[in-house]
Protein backbone atom coordinates (compact mmCIF):
# COMPACT_ATOMS: atom_id res chain seq x y z
CA MET A 1 23.54 60.95 73.04
CA LEU A 2 24.51 58.85 70.06
CA ASN A 3 22.99 55.48 69.18
CA VAL A 4 25.94 54.59 66.97
CA SER A 5 28.96 53.48 68.96
CA ALA A 6 32.01 55.72 69.06
CA PHE A 7 34.06 52.58 68.39
CA SER A 8 32.29 52.06 65.05
CA VAL A 9 32.72 55.71 64.10
CA CYS A 10 36.41 55.57 65.04
CA ARG A 11 36.91 52.51 62.84
CA LEU A 12 35.20 54.36 59.98
CA ILE A 13 37.55 57.30 60.59
CA GLU A 14 40.57 55.00 60.45
CA LEU A 15 39.40 53.28 57.27
CA SER A 16 38.54 56.54 55.54
CA ARG A 17 42.06 57.81 56.28
CA GLU A 18 43.53 54.66 54.76
CA PHE A 19 41.30 54.92 51.71
CA HIS A 20 41.93 58.62 51.05
CA ALA A 21 45.68 58.29 51.60
CA GLN A 22 46.01 56.24 48.43
CA GLU A 23 47.43 58.07 45.44
CA ALA A 24 44.98 56.43 43.05
CA VAL A 25 41.91 57.94 44.73
CA SER A 26 40.76 61.08 42.97
CA ILE A 27 37.51 62.81 43.88
CA PRO A 28 36.57 65.79 41.73
CA GLU A 29 35.98 69.06 43.56
CA ASP A 30 33.40 70.12 40.98
CA PRO A 31 31.68 66.97 39.74
CA ASP A 32 30.56 67.34 36.15
CA ASN A 33 27.92 64.66 36.41
CA PRO A 34 24.53 66.39 36.67
CA SER A 35 22.76 63.20 37.72
CA GLY A 36 24.29 63.38 41.19
CA ASP A 37 25.65 59.85 41.15
CA TRP A 38 29.23 60.93 40.45
CA SER A 39 30.42 59.53 43.77
CA VAL A 40 29.08 56.08 42.93
CA GLN A 41 30.73 56.19 39.51
CA MET A 42 34.04 57.37 41.00
CA LEU A 43 33.97 54.62 43.63
CA ALA A 44 33.21 51.94 41.06
CA SER A 45 36.88 51.93 40.11
CA HIS A 46 37.79 51.33 43.77
CA ALA A 47 35.20 48.64 44.49
CA GLY A 48 37.87 46.03 45.19
CA ASP A 49 39.83 48.21 47.60
CA GLN A 50 40.18 46.46 50.97
CA SER A 51 39.76 49.67 53.03
CA PHE A 52 36.65 50.61 51.11
CA GLN A 53 35.21 47.09 51.38
CA GLU A 54 35.59 47.06 55.16
CA PHE A 55 34.27 50.62 55.41
CA LYS A 56 31.20 49.68 53.36
CA SER A 57 30.66 46.51 55.37
CA ILE A 58 30.65 48.41 58.66
CA VAL A 59 28.26 51.07 57.36
CA ASP A 60 25.96 48.49 55.78
CA ASP A 61 25.85 46.55 59.07
CA LEU A 62 24.63 49.63 60.95
CA GLU A 63 20.91 50.14 61.43
CA PRO A 64 19.44 52.91 59.24
CA ASP A 65 19.12 55.28 62.23
CA GLN A 66 22.80 54.70 63.05
CA GLN A 67 23.80 55.35 59.43
CA GLN A 68 21.80 58.56 59.60
CA GLU A 69 23.69 59.58 62.74
CA VAL A 70 27.02 59.06 60.99
CA VAL A 71 25.85 61.28 58.11
CA ALA A 72 24.64 63.89 60.60
CA LEU A 73 28.03 63.69 62.38
CA LEU A 74 29.69 64.42 59.04
CA TRP A 75 27.51 67.50 58.61
CA LEU A 76 28.03 68.59 62.21
CA GLY A 77 31.80 68.22 61.94
CA ARG A 78 31.82 70.04 58.61
CA GLY A 79 30.04 72.97 60.21
CA ASP A 80 26.76 72.65 58.33
CA TYR A 81 24.92 72.34 61.66
CA SER A 82 25.64 73.35 65.23
CA GLU A 83 25.15 71.19 68.28
CA GLU A 84 21.86 72.99 68.89
CA GLU A 85 20.72 72.00 65.40
CA TRP A 86 21.50 68.30 65.88
CA SER A 87 17.83 67.26 65.66
CA GLU A 88 17.51 69.14 62.35
CA ALA A 89 20.60 67.40 60.98
CA LEU A 90 19.19 64.03 62.02
CA ALA A 91 15.84 64.84 60.42
CA LEU A 92 17.49 65.74 57.12
CA ALA A 93 19.70 62.63 57.28
CA LYS A 94 16.58 60.54 57.83
CA ASP A 95 14.79 62.15 54.90
CA SER A 96 17.86 61.71 52.68
CA TRP A 97 18.71 58.16 53.73
CA ASN A 98 19.27 55.55 51.01
CA LEU A 99 21.21 52.35 50.47
CA ARG A 100 24.31 54.24 49.27
CA THR A 101 25.27 55.73 52.62
CA ALA A 102 28.76 54.22 52.58
CA GLU A 103 29.46 55.61 49.12
CA TYR A 104 28.13 59.03 50.11
CA LEU A 105 30.32 59.14 53.21
CA ILE A 106 33.58 57.91 51.67
CA ALA A 107 33.21 60.35 48.77
CA HIS A 108 34.14 63.15 51.21
CA PRO A 109 37.95 63.47 51.19
CA LEU A 110 37.94 65.10 54.65
CA LEU A 111 35.51 62.57 56.14
CA SER A 112 37.89 61.52 58.91
CA ASP A 113 38.33 65.14 60.04
CA TYR A 114 34.61 65.83 59.92
CA LEU A 115 33.67 62.70 61.87
CA THR A 116 36.39 63.43 64.45
CA ALA A 117 35.03 66.95 64.91
CA GLY A 118 31.45 65.66 65.07
CA LEU A 119 32.34 63.14 67.77
CA ALA A 120 34.13 65.86 69.74
CA VAL A 121 30.88 67.83 69.96
CA PHE A 122 29.47 64.90 71.92
CA GLY A 123 32.58 64.61 74.09
CA ALA A 124 33.79 61.47 72.35
CA SER A 125 37.22 60.82 70.93
CA CYS A 126 39.17 58.09 69.18
CA ASP A 127 42.26 58.77 71.31
CA GLU A 128 41.79 55.95 73.78
């Protein structure tokens, strides 16, 4: 059972599709920034983007445990964890949580697909 609402996740899916559909968005496959903050630097040039602003606002308004669930859904949908490993994914998301959750999420070009697949594991869908 998820604490984050499927409605919120579906809105994040919609906004991530809008954001990633833009031609100007370019996320490197092999980031050359060893500090690990390449996603924040890449997103700095898109800080004024309306889709990103709404996406960030929704994520920032979620409680930390709900943000962690969205990250774990990403990992679940990406195939990093199975449904049986959900508690492990949540534990890692909790340990890794920081104030840049929105930036971390949107930096994944296939985020909408991963979240859709993650929701499906729990029997939820955005097709309503």
